[in-house]
Amino acid sequence: MKATIWHNPLCGTSRKTLALLAAAPGIDLTVVEYLKTPPSAAKLAQLYRDAGIKPQAGLRLRGTDAEERGLPTAADAEVLAAMVADPRLIERPLVETERGVRLCRPQEKVAEIL
């Protein structure tokens, strides 16, 4: 099974999720360091749609100015544009497989799509 993780190597939860994926048998893993290679607004919209969450639920609030900017209550397009412009606003890690997408907080959520 193919799996893609949008990963931040400085994040403990992201590292733990990556370790779970690496240890899972039969996983063809792609690691995207989203701070270096941010996803497009269209890709983010698809990921959140497939995860069954709104873009606002994928906002990283801690350590960002998302709340000061009013992003938690902003329109989807505004949130997505902000995330593309400043990928630090993307909560991590996001994992996509053929079985779906999860925002893996906590990291054990990845098991739902393996």
Protein backbone atom coordinates (compact mmCIF):
# COMPACT_ATOMS: atom_id res chain seq x y z
CA MET A 1 0.00 0.00 0.00
CA LYS A 2 1.20 3.49 -0.84
CA ALA A 3 1.31 6.06 1.95
CA THR A 4 2.33 9.71 1.91
CA ILE A 5 3.14 11.65 5.06
CA TRP A 6 3.36 15.44 5.16
CA HIS A 7 6.10 15.54 7.75
CA ASN A 8 8.00 17.98 9.94
CA PRO A 9 11.16 16.30 11.27
CA LEU A 10 11.24 18.72 14.22
CA CYS A 11 7.83 17.53 15.46
CA GLY A 12 7.76 14.59 17.88
CA THR A 13 4.27 13.47 16.82
CA SER A 14 5.30 13.60 13.18
CA ARG A 15 8.45 11.55 13.90
CA LYS A 16 6.42 8.96 15.85
CA THR A 17 3.88 8.69 13.03
CA LEU A 18 6.68 8.27 10.50
CA ALA A 19 8.16 5.50 12.65
CA LEU A 20 4.79 3.70 12.75
CA LEU A 21 4.54 3.92 8.96
CA ALA A 22 8.12 2.75 8.47
CA ALA A 23 7.50 -0.26 10.73
CA ALA A 24 4.24 -1.26 9.03
CA PRO A 25 4.70 -4.16 6.58
CA GLY A 26 4.01 -3.57 2.91
CA ILE A 27 4.02 0.24 3.01
CA ASP A 28 5.49 2.10 0.03
CA LEU A 29 6.21 5.34 1.87
CA THR A 30 6.66 8.84 0.47
CA VAL A 31 7.82 11.50 2.90
CA VAL A 32 7.10 15.13 2.04
CA GLU A 33 8.74 17.73 4.25
CA TYR A 34 5.91 20.20 3.80
CA LEU A 35 7.89 23.17 5.16
CA LYS A 36 10.32 22.71 2.24
CA THR A 37 7.72 21.53 -0.32
CA PRO A 38 4.31 22.90 0.66
CA PRO A 39 1.22 21.32 -0.86
CA SER A 40 -0.96 23.43 -3.13
CA ALA A 41 -4.28 24.84 -1.94
CA ALA A 42 -6.04 22.27 -4.13
CA LYS A 43 -4.07 19.40 -2.58
CA LEU A 44 -4.74 20.67 0.94
CA ALA A 45 -8.45 21.01 0.16
CA GLN A 46 -8.50 17.41 -1.13
CA LEU A 47 -6.63 16.12 1.93
CA TYR A 48 -8.99 17.81 4.38
CA ARG A 49 -12.05 16.75 2.38
CA ASP A 50 -10.82 13.14 2.35
CA ALA A 51 -10.08 13.35 6.09
CA GLY A 52 -13.62 14.60 6.69
CA ILE A 53 -12.48 17.85 8.29
CA LYS A 54 -12.62 21.53 7.41
CA PRO A 55 -9.36 23.37 6.66
CA GLN A 56 -9.79 25.26 9.94
CA ALA A 57 -9.43 21.94 11.81
CA GLY A 58 -6.08 21.49 10.08
CA LEU A 59 -4.69 24.80 11.32
CA ARG A 60 -1.70 24.76 13.62
CA LEU A 61 -2.53 27.21 16.38
CA ARG A 62 0.37 26.66 18.76
CA GLY A 63 3.41 28.69 17.81
CA THR A 64 1.65 30.55 14.99
CA ASP A 65 -0.34 33.74 14.57
CA ALA A 66 -3.39 31.89 13.19
CA GLU A 67 -5.70 33.05 15.98
CA GLU A 68 -4.54 36.66 15.81
CA ARG A 69 -5.25 36.60 12.08
CA GLY A 70 -8.75 35.24 12.63
CA LEU A 71 -8.03 32.10 10.63
CA PRO A 72 -9.97 29.65 12.86
CA THR A 73 -13.20 31.36 11.76
CA ALA A 74 -12.12 32.46 8.26
CA ALA A 75 -13.50 31.07 5.01
CA ASP A 76 -11.96 27.86 3.71
CA ALA A 77 -10.26 29.58 0.76
CA GLU A 78 -8.64 32.16 3.06
CA VAL A 79 -7.36 29.44 5.39
CA LEU A 80 -5.95 27.39 2.51
CA ALA A 81 -4.28 30.46 0.98
CA ALA A 82 -2.70 31.30 4.34
CA MET A 83 -1.40 27.73 4.70
CA VAL A 84 0.15 27.78 1.24
CA ALA A 85 1.78 31.17 1.93
CA ASP A 86 3.01 30.05 5.37
CA PRO A 87 3.17 26.24 5.66
CA ARG A 88 3.94 26.53 9.40
CA LEU A 89 0.15 27.00 9.71
CA ILE A 90 -0.44 23.39 8.58
CA GLU A 91 -0.98 21.04 11.52
CA ARG A 92 1.02 17.87 11.18
CA PRO A 93 1.34 15.13 10.32
CA LEU A 94 -1.15 14.47 7.56
CA VAL A 95 -1.07 10.93 6.16
CA GLU A 96 -2.77 9.78 2.97
CA THR A 97 -3.29 6.18 1.87
CA GLU A 98 -5.77 4.48 -0.45
CA ARG A 99 -7.93 3.99 2.64
CA GLY A 100 -8.19 7.69 3.42
CA VAL A 101 -6.49 10.64 5.05
CA ARG A 102 -5.90 11.38 8.70
CA LEU A 103 -4.46 14.25 10.67
CA CYS A 104 -2.47 11.96 12.94
CA ARG A 105 -2.78 13.67 16.29
CA PRO A 106 -2.30 11.47 18.20
CA GLN A 107 -0.01 9.37 16.02
CA GLU A 108 -2.07 6.21 16.61
CA LYS A 109 -4.76 7.63 14.29
CA VAL A 110 -2.61 6.43 11.38
CA ALA A 111 -3.77 2.85 12.13
CA GLU A 112 -7.26 3.84 10.91
CA ILE A 113 -6.00 4.09 7.33
CA LEU A 114 -3.48 1.24 7.20
